[in-house]
């Protein structure tokens, strides 16, 4: 577990360093918020980071690296939801003796 914690910390450091580098490439321009009451952001979102890191990766005017990132985020979210549903049904089976097949289908 300690190895995974160290890998996660190192990965987050790399991501933060990349964000700082690519934000500086944008000439220190704050990103305007669509909401006028909010202050300009000084951070990049993941798709903005991908668009800045790979500006020439475009097909028909759309950056496919940012699109790939959106797809992987959605798939990760769906996978987490499925794992949560399976965990809850398993818990109901062990805790209350419910039949897992009917719990998942219901």
N, C-alpha and C. Protein backbone atom coordinates (compact mmCIF):
# COMPACT_ATOMS: atom_id res chain seq x y z
N UNK A 1 0.84 -1.19 0.00
CA UNK A 1 0.00 0.00 0.00
C UNK A 1 0.88 1.25 0.00
N UNK A 2 1.99 1.18 0.68
CA UNK A 2 2.90 2.32 0.72
C UNK A 2 3.45 2.64 -0.67
N UNK A 3 3.72 1.60 -1.44
CA UNK A 3 4.21 1.80 -2.81
C UNK A 3 3.18 2.54 -3.65
N UNK A 4 1.90 2.15 -3.53
CA UNK A 4 0.85 2.84 -4.28
C UNK A 4 0.70 4.28 -3.82
N UNK A 5 0.85 4.53 -2.54
CA UNK A 5 0.76 5.89 -2.02
C UNK A 5 1.89 6.75 -2.57
N UNK A 6 3.09 6.19 -2.63
CA UNK A 6 4.22 6.94 -3.18
C UNK A 6 4.04 7.20 -4.68
N UNK A 7 3.53 6.21 -5.41
CA UNK A 7 3.28 6.41 -6.83
C UNK A 7 2.21 7.47 -7.07
N UNK A 8 1.17 7.47 -6.25
CA UNK A 8 0.11 8.47 -6.38
C UNK A 8 0.64 9.87 -6.07
N UNK A 9 1.44 9.99 -5.04
CA UNK A 9 2.01 11.29 -4.68
C UNK A 9 2.93 11.80 -5.79
N UNK A 10 3.74 10.92 -6.35
CA UNK A 10 4.64 11.31 -7.44
C UNK A 10 3.85 11.73 -8.68
N UNK A 11 2.79 10.99 -8.99
CA UNK A 11 1.96 11.32 -10.14
C UNK A 11 1.29 12.67 -9.96
N UNK A 12 0.79 12.95 -8.76
CA UNK A 12 0.16 14.25 -8.50
C UNK A 12 1.18 15.38 -8.61
N UNK A 13 2.41 15.14 -8.17
CA UNK A 13 3.46 16.15 -8.29
C UNK A 13 3.75 16.43 -9.76
N UNK A 14 3.84 15.37 -10.58
CA UNK A 14 4.08 15.55 -12.01
C UNK A 14 2.94 16.33 -12.66
N UNK A 15 1.71 16.03 -12.28
CA UNK A 15 0.57 16.73 -12.84
C UNK A 15 0.58 18.21 -12.44
N UNK A 16 0.89 18.50 -11.18
CA UNK A 16 0.96 19.89 -10.73
C UNK A 16 2.08 20.65 -11.44
N UNK A 17 3.23 20.01 -11.62
CA UNK A 17 4.33 20.66 -12.34
C UNK A 17 3.97 20.93 -13.79
N UNK A 18 3.30 19.98 -14.43
CA UNK A 18 2.88 20.17 -15.82
C UNK A 18 1.87 21.31 -15.92
N UNK A 19 0.95 21.37 -14.97
CA UNK A 19 -0.04 22.44 -14.99
C UNK A 19 0.63 23.80 -14.85
N UNK A 20 1.59 23.92 -13.94
CA UNK A 20 2.30 25.19 -13.76
C UNK A 20 3.04 25.57 -15.05
N UNK A 21 3.70 24.60 -15.66
CA UNK A 21 4.47 24.87 -16.88
C UNK A 21 3.55 25.34 -18.01
N UNK A 22 2.44 24.64 -18.22
CA UNK A 22 1.56 24.99 -19.32
C UNK A 22 0.74 26.24 -19.03
N UNK A 23 0.49 26.53 -17.76
CA UNK A 23 -0.18 27.79 -17.43
C UNK A 23 0.73 28.96 -17.76
N UNK A 24 2.02 28.80 -17.51
CA UNK A 24 2.97 29.85 -17.86
C UNK A 24 3.06 30.04 -19.37
N UNK A 25 2.87 28.96 -20.13
CA UNK A 25 2.89 29.06 -21.58
C UNK A 25 1.71 29.88 -22.11
N UNK A 26 0.67 30.00 -21.30
CA UNK A 26 -0.50 30.77 -21.71
C UNK A 26 -0.32 32.25 -21.39
N UNK A 27 0.90 32.68 -21.10
CA UNK A 27 1.25 34.08 -20.85
C UNK A 27 0.58 34.64 -19.60
N UNK A 28 0.43 33.82 -18.59
CA UNK A 28 -0.13 34.25 -17.31
C UNK A 28 -1.51 34.88 -17.43
N UNK A 29 -2.23 34.55 -18.47
CA UNK A 29 -3.57 35.11 -18.62
C UNK A 29 -4.54 34.33 -17.76
N UNK A 30 -5.25 35.00 -16.86
CA UNK A 30 -6.27 34.28 -16.09
C UNK A 30 -7.38 33.80 -17.01
N UNK A 31 -7.92 32.68 -16.71
CA UNK A 31 -8.99 32.12 -17.52
C UNK A 31 -10.29 32.76 -17.06
N UNK A 32 -10.98 33.40 -17.98
CA UNK A 32 -12.21 34.10 -17.63
C UNK A 32 -13.31 33.10 -17.29
N UNK A 33 -14.00 33.39 -16.23
CA UNK A 33 -15.10 32.55 -15.82
C UNK A 33 -16.37 32.98 -16.55
N UNK A 34 -17.24 32.04 -16.95
CA UNK A 34 -18.49 32.44 -17.59
C UNK A 34 -19.39 33.23 -16.65
N UNK A 35 -19.24 33.00 -15.36
CA UNK A 35 -20.04 33.72 -14.37
C UNK A 35 -19.29 35.00 -14.00
N UNK A 36 -19.91 36.14 -14.22
CA UNK A 36 -19.23 37.43 -14.02
C UNK A 36 -18.89 37.69 -12.55
N UNK A 37 -19.64 37.06 -11.64
CA UNK A 37 -19.40 37.31 -10.22
C UNK A 37 -18.19 36.56 -9.68
N UNK A 38 -17.77 35.50 -10.35
CA UNK A 38 -16.64 34.70 -9.88
C UNK A 38 -15.32 35.32 -10.35
N UNK A 39 -14.30 35.13 -9.56
CA UNK A 39 -12.97 35.63 -9.93
C UNK A 39 -12.38 34.75 -11.03
N UNK A 40 -11.49 35.29 -11.86
CA UNK A 40 -10.84 34.47 -12.88
C UNK A 40 -10.04 33.33 -12.25
N UNK A 41 -10.06 32.19 -12.93
CA UNK A 41 -9.34 31.02 -12.41
C UNK A 41 -7.87 31.10 -12.75
N UNK A 42 -7.05 30.59 -11.86
CA UNK A 42 -5.62 30.49 -12.10
C UNK A 42 -5.18 29.05 -12.24
N UNK A 43 -6.12 28.16 -12.49
CA UNK A 43 -5.83 26.73 -12.65
C UNK A 43 -6.38 26.25 -13.97
N UNK A 44 -5.76 25.24 -14.52
CA UNK A 44 -6.25 24.62 -15.75
C UNK A 44 -7.06 23.38 -15.42
N UNK A 45 -8.11 23.14 -16.17
CA UNK A 45 -8.83 21.88 -16.04
C UNK A 45 -8.06 20.83 -16.83
N UNK A 46 -8.42 19.56 -16.66
CA UNK A 46 -7.71 18.51 -17.39
C UNK A 46 -7.82 18.70 -18.91
N UNK A 47 -9.02 18.98 -19.46
CA UNK A 47 -9.07 19.19 -20.92
C UNK A 47 -8.26 20.40 -21.37
N UNK A 48 -8.27 21.48 -20.60
CA UNK A 48 -7.46 22.64 -20.96
C UNK A 48 -5.98 22.30 -20.94
N UNK A 49 -5.58 21.51 -19.97
CA UNK A 49 -4.19 21.07 -19.90
C UNK A 49 -3.81 20.24 -21.12
N UNK A 50 -4.71 19.35 -21.54
CA UNK A 50 -4.44 18.53 -22.72
C UNK A 50 -4.39 19.38 -23.99
N UNK A 51 -5.31 20.36 -24.11
CA UNK A 51 -5.29 21.23 -25.29
C UNK A 51 -4.02 22.06 -25.35
N UNK A 52 -3.52 22.49 -24.19
CA UNK A 52 -2.29 23.28 -24.15
C UNK A 52 -1.07 22.40 -24.42
N UNK A 53 -1.08 21.19 -23.89
CA UNK A 53 0.07 20.29 -24.07
C UNK A 53 0.15 19.75 -25.50
N UNK A 54 -1.00 19.52 -26.12
CA UNK A 54 -1.04 18.97 -27.49
C UNK A 54 -1.87 19.87 -28.39
N UNK A 55 -1.36 21.06 -28.71
CA UNK A 55 -2.17 21.99 -29.50
C UNK A 55 -2.38 21.56 -30.95
N UNK A 56 -1.50 20.73 -31.49
CA UNK A 56 -1.63 20.32 -32.90
C UNK A 56 -2.42 19.02 -33.07
N UNK A 57 -2.88 18.43 -31.99
CA UNK A 57 -3.62 17.17 -32.06
C UNK A 57 -5.09 17.46 -32.33
N UNK A 58 -5.39 17.92 -33.54
CA UNK A 58 -6.75 18.28 -33.89
C UNK A 58 -7.20 17.54 -35.14
N UNK A 59 -8.46 17.17 -35.12
CA UNK A 59 -9.11 16.58 -36.29
C UNK A 59 -10.42 17.34 -36.47
N UNK A 60 -10.59 17.95 -37.63
CA UNK A 60 -11.77 18.76 -37.93
C UNK A 60 -11.97 19.87 -36.90
N UNK A 61 -10.90 20.45 -36.42
CA UNK A 61 -10.98 21.57 -35.47
C UNK A 61 -11.24 21.18 -34.03
N UNK A 62 -11.25 19.90 -33.74
CA UNK A 62 -11.51 19.43 -32.38
C UNK A 62 -10.27 18.70 -31.86
N UNK A 63 -9.82 19.07 -30.69
CA UNK A 63 -8.63 18.46 -30.12
C UNK A 63 -8.99 17.05 -29.63
N UNK A 64 -8.45 16.03 -30.29
CA UNK A 64 -8.82 14.66 -29.94
C UNK A 64 -8.20 14.19 -28.64
N UNK A 65 -7.14 14.82 -28.16
CA UNK A 65 -6.57 14.44 -26.87
C UNK A 65 -7.53 14.85 -25.74
N UNK A 66 -8.13 16.03 -25.86
CA UNK A 66 -9.12 16.46 -24.87
C UNK A 66 -10.34 15.55 -24.93
N UNK A 67 -10.74 15.16 -26.14
CA UNK A 67 -11.87 14.23 -26.28
C UNK A 67 -11.58 12.87 -25.67
N UNK A 68 -10.37 12.39 -25.89
CA UNK A 68 -9.96 11.12 -25.29
C UNK A 68 -9.99 11.21 -23.76
N UNK A 69 -9.58 12.34 -23.24
CA UNK A 69 -9.61 12.55 -21.80
C UNK A 69 -11.04 12.52 -21.27
N UNK A 70 -11.96 13.20 -21.98
CA UNK A 70 -13.37 13.17 -21.57
C UNK A 70 -13.89 11.74 -21.54
N UNK A 71 -13.59 10.96 -22.56
CA UNK A 71 -14.07 9.58 -22.64
C UNK A 71 -13.52 8.75 -21.48
N UNK A 72 -12.24 8.89 -21.17
CA UNK A 72 -11.67 8.11 -20.07
C UNK A 72 -12.24 8.53 -18.72
N UNK A 73 -12.53 9.81 -18.54
CA UNK A 73 -13.14 10.26 -17.28
C UNK A 73 -14.55 9.68 -17.14
N UNK A 74 -15.31 9.68 -18.22
CA UNK A 74 -16.67 9.12 -18.18
C UNK A 74 -16.62 7.62 -17.91
N UNK A 75 -15.72 6.91 -18.58
CA UNK A 75 -15.60 5.47 -18.37
C UNK A 75 -15.16 5.14 -16.94
N UNK A 76 -14.26 5.95 -16.39
CA UNK A 76 -13.84 5.75 -15.01
C UNK A 76 -15.00 5.97 -14.06
N UNK A 77 -15.80 7.00 -14.30
CA UNK A 77 -16.96 7.27 -13.45
C UNK A 77 -17.98 6.13 -13.53
N UNK A 78 -18.22 5.63 -14.72
CA UNK A 78 -19.14 4.50 -14.87
C UNK A 78 -18.62 3.25 -14.16
N UNK A 79 -17.32 3.01 -14.28
CA UNK A 79 -16.72 1.86 -13.59
C UNK A 79 -16.86 1.96 -12.08
N UNK A 80 -16.68 3.15 -11.55
CA UNK A 80 -16.84 3.35 -10.11
C UNK A 80 -18.28 3.13 -9.69
N UNK A 81 -19.23 3.59 -10.50
CA UNK A 81 -20.64 3.37 -10.19
C UNK A 81 -21.00 1.89 -10.18
N UNK A 82 -20.49 1.15 -11.17
CA UNK A 82 -20.74 -0.29 -11.22
C UNK A 82 -20.14 -0.99 -10.01
N UNK A 83 -18.92 -0.62 -9.65
CA UNK A 83 -18.28 -1.22 -8.47
C UNK A 83 -19.08 -0.92 -7.21
N UNK A 84 -19.64 0.29 -7.11
CA UNK A 84 -20.44 0.65 -5.94
C UNK A 84 -21.72 -0.18 -5.88
N UNK A 85 -22.39 -0.34 -7.02
CA UNK A 85 -23.62 -1.14 -7.04
C UNK A 85 -23.31 -2.59 -6.67
N UNK A 86 -22.23 -3.14 -7.19
CA UNK A 86 -21.86 -4.52 -6.84
C UNK A 86 -21.51 -4.64 -5.36
N UNK A 87 -20.84 -3.65 -4.81
CA UNK A 87 -20.52 -3.67 -3.39
C UNK A 87 -21.78 -3.64 -2.54
N UNK A 88 -22.72 -2.78 -2.87
CA UNK A 88 -23.96 -2.67 -2.09
C UNK A 88 -24.76 -3.96 -2.18
N UNK A 89 -24.87 -4.54 -3.38
CA UNK A 89 -25.63 -5.79 -3.49
C UNK A 89 -24.96 -6.92 -2.73
N UNK A 90 -23.64 -6.95 -2.74
CA UNK A 90 -22.93 -7.98 -1.99
C UNK A 90 -23.15 -7.78 -0.49
N UNK A 91 -23.14 -6.54 -0.05
CA UNK A 91 -23.36 -6.24 1.36
C UNK A 91 -24.78 -6.63 1.78
N UNK A 92 -25.75 -6.35 0.93
CA UNK A 92 -27.13 -6.73 1.24
C UNK A 92 -27.27 -8.25 1.32
N UNK A 93 -26.55 -8.96 0.46
CA UNK A 93 -26.61 -10.42 0.47
C UNK A 93 -26.03 -10.96 1.78
N UNK A 94 -24.87 -10.44 2.19
CA UNK A 94 -24.23 -10.95 3.40
C UNK A 94 -24.91 -10.43 4.67
N UNK A 95 -25.38 -9.22 4.66
CA UNK A 95 -25.96 -8.63 5.86
C UNK A 95 -27.39 -9.03 6.13
N UNK A 96 -28.19 -9.13 5.06
CA UNK A 96 -29.61 -9.38 5.24
C UNK A 96 -30.08 -10.67 4.59
N UNK A 97 -29.20 -11.37 3.91
CA UNK A 97 -29.57 -12.62 3.26
C UNK A 97 -30.40 -12.43 2.01
N UNK A 98 -30.36 -11.24 1.42
CA UNK A 98 -31.11 -11.00 0.19
C UNK A 98 -30.45 -11.70 -0.97
N UNK A 99 -31.24 -12.08 -1.94
CA UNK A 99 -30.71 -12.71 -3.13
C UNK A 99 -30.09 -11.63 -4.01
N UNK A 100 -28.82 -11.79 -4.33
CA UNK A 100 -28.09 -10.77 -5.09
C UNK A 100 -28.63 -10.61 -6.50
N UNK A 101 -29.10 -11.70 -7.14
CA UNK A 101 -29.60 -11.63 -8.50
C UNK A 101 -30.80 -10.69 -8.60
N UNK A 102 -31.74 -10.80 -7.66
CA UNK A 102 -32.91 -9.95 -7.70
C UNK A 102 -32.58 -8.52 -7.28
N UNK A 103 -31.61 -8.36 -6.42
CA UNK A 103 -31.23 -7.02 -5.98
C UNK A 103 -30.62 -6.23 -7.14
N UNK A 104 -29.77 -6.86 -7.95
CA UNK A 104 -29.15 -6.16 -9.08
C UNK A 104 -30.19 -5.88 -10.15
N UNK A 105 -31.08 -6.82 -10.43
CA UNK A 105 -32.08 -6.63 -11.48
C UNK A 105 -33.17 -5.67 -11.06
N UNK A 106 -33.44 -5.56 -9.78
CA UNK A 106 -34.55 -4.72 -9.30
C UNK A 106 -34.12 -3.32 -9.26
